[in-house]
N, C-alpha and C. Protein backbone atom coordinates (compact mmCIF):
# COMPACT_ATOMS: atom_id res chain seq x y z
N MET A 1 10.91 9.05 46.31
CA MET A 1 11.80 10.12 45.95
C MET A 1 11.35 10.68 44.61
N ASP A 2 11.26 12.01 44.50
CA ASP A 2 10.81 12.67 43.30
C ASP A 2 12.02 13.24 42.57
N ASN A 3 12.34 12.67 41.42
CA ASN A 3 13.51 13.12 40.65
C ASN A 3 13.24 14.38 39.85
N ASN A 4 11.99 14.77 39.72
CA ASN A 4 11.65 15.92 38.91
C ASN A 4 10.57 16.75 39.61
N PRO A 5 10.92 17.38 40.72
CA PRO A 5 9.91 18.14 41.46
C PRO A 5 9.36 19.27 40.59
N GLY A 6 8.03 19.36 40.56
CA GLY A 6 7.38 20.42 39.80
C GLY A 6 7.31 20.16 38.30
N GLY A 7 7.83 19.03 37.87
CA GLY A 7 7.82 18.70 36.44
C GLY A 7 6.54 18.02 36.02
N ASP A 8 6.47 17.68 34.76
CA ASP A 8 5.30 17.00 34.23
C ASP A 8 5.22 15.58 34.76
N ASN A 9 3.99 15.12 34.96
CA ASN A 9 3.75 13.74 35.34
C ASN A 9 2.87 13.15 34.25
N ILE A 10 3.46 12.36 33.37
CA ILE A 10 2.75 11.84 32.20
C ILE A 10 2.63 10.33 32.33
N ARG A 11 1.42 9.85 32.16
CA ARG A 11 1.17 8.42 32.18
C ARG A 11 0.65 8.03 30.80
N VAL A 12 1.16 6.95 30.30
CA VAL A 12 0.78 6.48 28.97
C VAL A 12 0.15 5.11 29.11
N GLY A 13 -0.99 4.94 28.46
CA GLY A 13 -1.66 3.64 28.47
C GLY A 13 -0.98 2.68 27.51
N ASP A 14 -1.66 1.62 27.20
CA ASP A 14 -1.14 0.59 26.31
C ASP A 14 -0.99 1.15 24.90
N ILE A 15 0.22 1.13 24.37
CA ILE A 15 0.46 1.62 23.02
C ILE A 15 0.89 0.50 22.08
N THR A 16 0.56 -0.72 22.45
CA THR A 16 0.88 -1.86 21.63
C THR A 16 0.30 -1.68 20.23
N GLY A 17 1.10 -1.89 19.22
CA GLY A 17 0.65 -1.77 17.84
C GLY A 17 0.63 -0.34 17.33
N SER A 18 1.07 0.60 18.16
CA SER A 18 1.09 2.00 17.74
C SER A 18 2.29 2.26 16.83
N TYR A 19 2.21 3.35 16.12
CA TYR A 19 3.22 3.67 15.12
C TYR A 19 3.51 5.16 15.20
N GLY A 20 4.75 5.54 15.46
CA GLY A 20 5.11 6.94 15.52
C GLY A 20 4.53 7.64 16.72
N VAL A 21 4.87 7.20 17.92
CA VAL A 21 4.29 7.76 19.14
C VAL A 21 5.26 8.76 19.75
N ALA A 22 4.72 9.91 20.17
CA ALA A 22 5.50 10.92 20.88
C ALA A 22 4.73 11.29 22.14
N VAL A 23 5.44 11.36 23.26
CA VAL A 23 4.80 11.66 24.53
C VAL A 23 5.59 12.76 25.23
N GLY A 24 4.88 13.75 25.74
CA GLY A 24 5.53 14.78 26.52
C GLY A 24 5.42 16.15 25.88
N ARG A 25 5.81 17.14 26.64
CA ARG A 25 5.76 18.52 26.18
C ARG A 25 6.70 18.71 25.00
N ASN A 26 6.19 19.32 23.95
CA ASN A 26 6.95 19.59 22.72
C ASN A 26 7.51 18.32 22.07
N ALA A 27 6.90 17.19 22.35
CA ALA A 27 7.37 15.93 21.76
C ALA A 27 6.88 15.84 20.32
N SER A 28 7.64 15.16 19.51
CA SER A 28 7.21 14.91 18.13
C SER A 28 7.76 13.56 17.70
N ALA A 29 7.11 13.00 16.72
CA ALA A 29 7.54 11.71 16.20
C ALA A 29 7.41 11.74 14.69
N HIS A 30 8.30 11.08 14.03
CA HIS A 30 8.21 10.93 12.58
C HIS A 30 8.23 9.44 12.29
N ALA A 31 7.23 9.00 11.59
CA ALA A 31 7.15 7.58 11.24
C ALA A 31 7.13 7.47 9.73
N SER A 32 7.92 6.57 9.21
CA SER A 32 7.90 6.35 7.77
C SER A 32 7.72 4.88 7.51
N GLY A 33 7.32 4.57 6.32
CA GLY A 33 7.06 3.19 5.95
C GLY A 33 5.66 3.07 5.41
N ASN A 34 5.31 1.90 4.96
CA ASN A 34 4.04 1.73 4.29
C ASN A 34 3.12 0.74 4.97
N ILE A 35 3.66 -0.12 5.74
CA ILE A 35 2.87 -1.21 6.29
C ILE A 35 2.17 -0.75 7.57
N VAL A 36 0.88 -0.96 7.63
CA VAL A 36 0.12 -0.66 8.83
C VAL A 36 0.44 -1.74 9.85
N ALA A 37 0.80 -1.32 11.06
CA ALA A 37 1.19 -2.26 12.10
C ALA A 37 0.11 -3.30 12.35
N GLY A 38 0.50 -4.55 12.40
CA GLY A 38 -0.42 -5.63 12.69
C GLY A 38 -1.31 -6.04 11.53
N ALA A 39 -1.10 -5.46 10.36
CA ALA A 39 -1.95 -5.76 9.20
C ALA A 39 -1.70 -7.19 8.72
N ARG A 40 -2.75 -7.82 8.28
CA ARG A 40 -2.66 -9.19 7.76
C ARG A 40 -3.35 -9.27 6.41
N VAL A 41 -2.74 -9.98 5.51
CA VAL A 41 -3.36 -10.26 4.21
C VAL A 41 -3.17 -11.74 3.91
N ASP A 42 -4.04 -12.27 3.09
CA ASP A 42 -3.92 -13.65 2.64
C ASP A 42 -2.92 -13.66 1.48
N PRO A 43 -1.75 -14.29 1.67
CA PRO A 43 -0.72 -14.26 0.64
C PRO A 43 -1.18 -14.83 -0.70
N GLU A 44 -1.99 -15.87 -0.67
CA GLU A 44 -2.47 -16.48 -1.92
C GLU A 44 -3.44 -15.56 -2.63
N GLN A 45 -4.33 -14.95 -1.88
CA GLN A 45 -5.29 -14.00 -2.45
C GLN A 45 -4.55 -12.80 -3.04
N LEU A 46 -3.51 -12.34 -2.35
CA LEU A 46 -2.70 -11.23 -2.84
C LEU A 46 -2.00 -11.60 -4.14
N ARG A 47 -1.40 -12.77 -4.18
CA ARG A 47 -0.70 -13.22 -5.39
C ARG A 47 -1.66 -13.32 -6.57
N VAL A 48 -2.83 -13.89 -6.35
CA VAL A 48 -3.82 -14.04 -7.42
C VAL A 48 -4.26 -12.67 -7.94
N ALA A 49 -4.54 -11.75 -7.02
CA ALA A 49 -4.97 -10.40 -7.42
C ALA A 49 -3.88 -9.70 -8.23
N LEU A 50 -2.63 -9.85 -7.82
CA LEU A 50 -1.51 -9.25 -8.55
C LEU A 50 -1.36 -9.87 -9.94
N GLU A 51 -1.51 -11.18 -10.03
CA GLU A 51 -1.39 -11.85 -11.33
C GLU A 51 -2.50 -11.41 -12.28
N ARG A 52 -3.69 -11.20 -11.75
CA ARG A 52 -4.80 -10.73 -12.60
C ARG A 52 -4.52 -9.33 -13.14
N VAL A 53 -3.98 -8.46 -12.28
CA VAL A 53 -3.62 -7.12 -12.74
C VAL A 53 -2.53 -7.22 -13.80
N TYR A 54 -1.52 -8.04 -13.55
CA TYR A 54 -0.43 -8.23 -14.51
C TYR A 54 -1.00 -8.62 -15.87
N ASP A 55 -1.87 -9.62 -15.89
CA ASP A 55 -2.46 -10.10 -17.14
C ASP A 55 -3.31 -9.04 -17.82
N THR A 56 -4.05 -8.28 -17.04
CA THR A 56 -4.94 -7.25 -17.58
C THR A 56 -4.17 -6.10 -18.20
N LEU A 57 -2.98 -5.83 -17.70
CA LEU A 57 -2.18 -4.74 -18.25
C LEU A 57 -1.88 -4.94 -19.74
N ASP A 58 -1.82 -6.19 -20.18
CA ASP A 58 -1.58 -6.49 -21.60
C ASP A 58 -2.68 -5.95 -22.50
N THR A 59 -3.89 -5.91 -22.01
CA THR A 59 -5.03 -5.52 -22.84
C THR A 59 -5.60 -4.16 -22.44
N ALA A 60 -4.84 -3.39 -21.64
CA ALA A 60 -5.35 -2.12 -21.13
C ALA A 60 -5.18 -0.96 -22.11
N GLY A 61 -4.54 -1.21 -23.24
CA GLY A 61 -4.37 -0.16 -24.23
C GLY A 61 -3.29 0.86 -23.89
N LEU A 62 -2.35 0.46 -23.04
CA LEU A 62 -1.25 1.34 -22.68
C LEU A 62 -0.19 1.36 -23.77
N PRO A 63 0.56 2.44 -23.88
CA PRO A 63 1.72 2.41 -24.77
C PRO A 63 2.67 1.29 -24.33
N ARG A 64 3.41 0.77 -25.27
CA ARG A 64 4.27 -0.40 -25.03
C ARG A 64 5.21 -0.23 -23.83
N GLU A 65 5.90 0.90 -23.77
CA GLU A 65 6.87 1.12 -22.68
C GLU A 65 6.19 1.16 -21.32
N GLU A 66 5.03 1.79 -21.24
CA GLU A 66 4.29 1.87 -19.97
C GLU A 66 3.74 0.50 -19.57
N THR A 67 3.32 -0.28 -20.58
CA THR A 67 2.87 -1.65 -20.28
C THR A 67 4.01 -2.45 -19.69
N ARG A 68 5.17 -2.35 -20.31
CA ARG A 68 6.35 -3.09 -19.83
C ARG A 68 6.72 -2.66 -18.42
N SER A 69 6.73 -1.35 -18.17
CA SER A 69 7.10 -0.83 -16.86
C SER A 69 6.09 -1.25 -15.79
N ALA A 70 4.80 -1.12 -16.09
CA ALA A 70 3.77 -1.50 -15.12
C ALA A 70 3.81 -3.00 -14.86
N GLN A 71 4.02 -3.79 -15.91
CA GLN A 71 4.09 -5.24 -15.71
C GLN A 71 5.35 -5.64 -14.94
N THR A 72 6.43 -4.93 -15.13
CA THR A 72 7.64 -5.21 -14.35
C THR A 72 7.37 -4.98 -12.87
N SER A 73 6.72 -3.86 -12.55
CA SER A 73 6.38 -3.59 -11.14
C SER A 73 5.42 -4.65 -10.61
N ALA A 74 4.44 -5.03 -11.42
CA ALA A 74 3.49 -6.06 -10.99
C ALA A 74 4.21 -7.39 -10.78
N GLY A 75 5.10 -7.74 -11.70
CA GLY A 75 5.87 -8.99 -11.57
C GLY A 75 6.74 -8.99 -10.33
N ASN A 76 7.38 -7.86 -10.04
CA ASN A 76 8.19 -7.75 -8.83
C ASN A 76 7.32 -7.88 -7.58
N ALA A 77 6.12 -7.32 -7.63
CA ALA A 77 5.20 -7.44 -6.49
C ALA A 77 4.77 -8.90 -6.31
N ILE A 78 4.54 -9.60 -7.41
CA ILE A 78 4.16 -11.02 -7.34
C ILE A 78 5.28 -11.82 -6.67
N GLU A 79 6.50 -11.58 -7.10
CA GLU A 79 7.64 -12.30 -6.50
C GLU A 79 7.77 -11.96 -5.01
N ALA A 80 7.58 -10.70 -4.65
CA ALA A 80 7.66 -10.30 -3.24
C ALA A 80 6.54 -10.96 -2.43
N ALA A 81 5.36 -11.09 -3.02
CA ALA A 81 4.23 -11.71 -2.32
C ALA A 81 4.53 -13.17 -2.00
N LYS A 82 5.29 -13.83 -2.85
CA LYS A 82 5.64 -15.23 -2.61
C LYS A 82 6.49 -15.40 -1.36
N ALA A 83 7.15 -14.32 -0.93
CA ALA A 83 8.00 -14.37 0.27
C ALA A 83 7.18 -14.27 1.55
N GLY A 84 5.88 -14.07 1.42
CA GLY A 84 5.03 -13.96 2.61
C GLY A 84 5.20 -12.63 3.30
N GLU A 85 5.12 -12.63 4.63
CA GLU A 85 5.16 -11.38 5.39
C GLU A 85 6.43 -10.59 5.15
N SER A 86 7.54 -11.26 4.94
CA SER A 86 8.80 -10.54 4.75
C SER A 86 8.83 -9.75 3.45
N GLY A 87 7.94 -10.06 2.52
CA GLY A 87 7.92 -9.36 1.25
C GLY A 87 6.83 -8.31 1.12
N LEU A 88 6.05 -8.09 2.17
CA LEU A 88 4.90 -7.20 2.05
C LEU A 88 5.28 -5.75 1.75
N GLU A 89 6.33 -5.26 2.35
CA GLU A 89 6.73 -3.88 2.07
C GLU A 89 7.13 -3.73 0.61
N ALA A 90 7.82 -4.73 0.06
CA ALA A 90 8.20 -4.69 -1.35
C ALA A 90 6.96 -4.77 -2.24
N VAL A 91 5.96 -5.53 -1.82
CA VAL A 91 4.71 -5.59 -2.58
C VAL A 91 4.11 -4.19 -2.68
N VAL A 92 3.98 -3.54 -1.53
CA VAL A 92 3.38 -2.21 -1.49
C VAL A 92 4.17 -1.23 -2.35
N GLU A 93 5.49 -1.24 -2.24
CA GLU A 93 6.32 -0.32 -3.03
C GLU A 93 6.14 -0.56 -4.52
N ASN A 94 6.09 -1.82 -4.92
CA ASN A 94 5.93 -2.12 -6.35
C ASN A 94 4.54 -1.78 -6.86
N VAL A 95 3.53 -1.96 -6.05
CA VAL A 95 2.18 -1.58 -6.46
C VAL A 95 2.10 -0.06 -6.59
N LYS A 96 2.71 0.66 -5.66
CA LYS A 96 2.76 2.12 -5.78
C LYS A 96 3.47 2.54 -7.07
N ARG A 97 4.57 1.87 -7.37
CA ARG A 97 5.34 2.16 -8.59
C ARG A 97 4.48 1.91 -9.83
N MET A 98 3.71 0.83 -9.81
CA MET A 98 2.81 0.52 -10.92
C MET A 98 1.79 1.64 -11.09
N GLY A 99 1.22 2.10 -9.99
CA GLY A 99 0.27 3.21 -10.03
C GLY A 99 0.90 4.47 -10.57
N GLN A 100 2.12 4.74 -10.14
CA GLN A 100 2.83 5.93 -10.61
C GLN A 100 3.05 5.86 -12.12
N THR A 101 3.39 4.69 -12.62
CA THR A 101 3.60 4.50 -14.06
C THR A 101 2.32 4.84 -14.82
N LEU A 102 1.20 4.34 -14.34
CA LEU A 102 -0.08 4.60 -15.01
C LEU A 102 -0.45 6.08 -14.94
N ARG A 103 -0.23 6.70 -13.80
CA ARG A 103 -0.56 8.13 -13.67
C ARG A 103 0.34 8.97 -14.57
N GLU A 104 1.64 8.66 -14.61
CA GLU A 104 2.57 9.43 -15.44
C GLU A 104 2.27 9.26 -16.93
N ALA A 105 1.68 8.13 -17.29
CA ALA A 105 1.31 7.89 -18.69
C ALA A 105 -0.07 8.49 -19.00
N ASN A 106 -0.64 9.19 -18.01
CA ASN A 106 -1.96 9.80 -18.15
C ASN A 106 -3.04 8.77 -18.50
N VAL A 107 -2.89 7.59 -17.93
CA VAL A 107 -3.88 6.54 -18.15
C VAL A 107 -5.05 6.78 -17.21
N VAL A 108 -6.23 6.87 -17.79
CA VAL A 108 -7.44 7.01 -17.00
C VAL A 108 -8.03 5.62 -16.84
N VAL A 109 -8.13 5.18 -15.61
CA VAL A 109 -8.71 3.87 -15.34
C VAL A 109 -10.22 4.06 -15.30
N GLY A 110 -10.86 3.69 -16.40
CA GLY A 110 -12.30 3.89 -16.53
C GLY A 110 -13.10 2.97 -15.62
N GLU A 111 -14.04 3.57 -14.90
CA GLU A 111 -14.89 2.77 -14.02
C GLU A 111 -15.62 1.71 -14.82
N GLY A 112 -15.56 0.48 -14.35
CA GLY A 112 -16.21 -0.64 -15.02
C GLY A 112 -15.31 -1.36 -16.01
N SER A 113 -14.17 -0.76 -16.37
CA SER A 113 -13.25 -1.44 -17.28
C SER A 113 -12.64 -2.65 -16.60
N ASN A 114 -12.08 -3.55 -17.39
CA ASN A 114 -11.45 -4.74 -16.83
C ASN A 114 -10.30 -4.35 -15.90
N LEU A 115 -9.49 -3.36 -16.31
CA LEU A 115 -8.39 -2.91 -15.46
C LEU A 115 -8.93 -2.35 -14.15
N TRP A 116 -9.99 -1.56 -14.23
CA TRP A 116 -10.61 -0.99 -13.02
C TRP A 116 -11.06 -2.11 -12.09
N GLN A 117 -11.70 -3.14 -12.63
CA GLN A 117 -12.18 -4.26 -11.82
C GLN A 117 -11.02 -4.96 -11.11
N GLN A 118 -9.93 -5.20 -11.86
CA GLN A 118 -8.78 -5.91 -11.27
C GLN A 118 -8.08 -5.06 -10.23
N LEU A 119 -7.95 -3.76 -10.50
CA LEU A 119 -7.32 -2.87 -9.52
C LEU A 119 -8.19 -2.72 -8.28
N LYS A 120 -9.49 -2.71 -8.47
CA LYS A 120 -10.42 -2.63 -7.34
C LYS A 120 -10.27 -3.86 -6.45
N GLU A 121 -10.15 -5.04 -7.06
CA GLU A 121 -9.94 -6.27 -6.28
C GLU A 121 -8.60 -6.22 -5.55
N LEU A 122 -7.55 -5.76 -6.25
CA LEU A 122 -6.24 -5.65 -5.62
C LEU A 122 -6.30 -4.66 -4.45
N ALA A 123 -7.00 -3.55 -4.63
CA ALA A 123 -7.12 -2.55 -3.57
C ALA A 123 -7.78 -3.15 -2.33
N ALA A 124 -8.78 -3.99 -2.54
CA ALA A 124 -9.46 -4.63 -1.41
C ALA A 124 -8.53 -5.57 -0.66
N VAL A 125 -7.70 -6.29 -1.40
CA VAL A 125 -6.76 -7.23 -0.77
C VAL A 125 -5.66 -6.48 -0.03
N LEU A 126 -5.15 -5.40 -0.63
CA LEU A 126 -4.06 -4.63 -0.02
C LEU A 126 -4.53 -3.66 1.06
N ALA A 127 -5.82 -3.46 1.17
CA ALA A 127 -6.37 -2.47 2.09
C ALA A 127 -5.78 -2.53 3.50
N PRO A 128 -5.65 -3.71 4.11
CA PRO A 128 -5.11 -3.75 5.47
C PRO A 128 -3.67 -3.22 5.58
N LEU A 129 -2.92 -3.31 4.50
CA LEU A 129 -1.53 -2.87 4.52
C LEU A 129 -1.39 -1.37 4.29
N ALA A 130 -2.36 -0.79 3.63
CA ALA A 130 -2.22 0.59 3.17
C ALA A 130 -3.15 1.57 3.86
N GLY A 131 -3.93 1.11 4.80
CA GLY A 131 -4.85 2.01 5.47
C GLY A 131 -6.19 2.14 4.76
N GLY A 132 -6.52 1.18 3.92
CA GLY A 132 -7.81 1.18 3.26
C GLY A 132 -7.71 1.04 1.76
N ALA A 133 -8.77 0.52 1.16
CA ALA A 133 -8.80 0.32 -0.29
C ALA A 133 -8.75 1.65 -1.03
N ALA A 134 -9.36 2.69 -0.46
CA ALA A 134 -9.34 4.00 -1.11
C ALA A 134 -7.92 4.54 -1.23
N ALA A 135 -7.08 4.25 -0.25
CA ALA A 135 -5.68 4.68 -0.31
C ALA A 135 -4.96 3.99 -1.47
N VAL A 136 -5.21 2.70 -1.64
CA VAL A 136 -4.60 1.96 -2.75
C VAL A 136 -5.11 2.51 -4.08
N ALA A 137 -6.41 2.72 -4.19
CA ALA A 137 -6.99 3.25 -5.42
C ALA A 137 -6.38 4.60 -5.78
N ALA A 138 -6.10 5.41 -4.77
CA ALA A 138 -5.50 6.72 -5.01
C ALA A 138 -4.12 6.61 -5.64
N TRP A 139 -3.38 5.52 -5.36
CA TRP A 139 -2.08 5.33 -6.01
C TRP A 139 -2.23 5.26 -7.52
N PHE A 140 -3.42 4.81 -7.96
CA PHE A 140 -3.69 4.67 -9.39
C PHE A 140 -4.50 5.83 -9.95
N GLY A 141 -4.86 6.75 -9.08
CA GLY A 141 -5.57 7.94 -9.52
C GLY A 141 -7.05 7.77 -9.74
N PHE A 142 -7.68 6.79 -9.09
CA PHE A 142 -9.13 6.68 -9.20
C PHE A 142 -9.75 6.55 -7.81
N PRO A 143 -10.92 7.16 -7.65
CA PRO A 143 -11.58 7.12 -6.34
C PRO A 143 -12.39 5.84 -6.16
N LEU A 144 -12.51 5.42 -4.93
CA LEU A 144 -13.40 4.31 -4.58
C LEU A 144 -14.45 4.87 -3.63
N GLN A 145 -15.69 4.51 -3.89
CA GLN A 145 -16.77 4.93 -3.00
C GLN A 145 -17.06 3.83 -2.02
């Protein structure tokens, strides 16, 4: 029995792990969030990378208030990382907030600087969650090749 004579016949393959899927004529989907579906990170490696960034912020030459704000975001990300998978979205949000603080303070992360090295390592660890290390680096306003 055909419930929709003359209508569209749409078949969809396996969409496991997909995010924001829309199927059909004039269909649309809006997806929000930060975590890439199915992404995995090593929680210990993430925590270590975050702690190194936290420590490096002390010697990055930032104004006092920006250092405090960036370290607060880093500290919150470290605590969220300790929660494992359930804390990953909070990690990403806090790392973004840290990047925003640095950008708003007009901090230029110089290539080869200690801060650049630590952020580059953090970007590599967070890459699976954010769609790549370059995406993480962009939160801090520096390109990765």
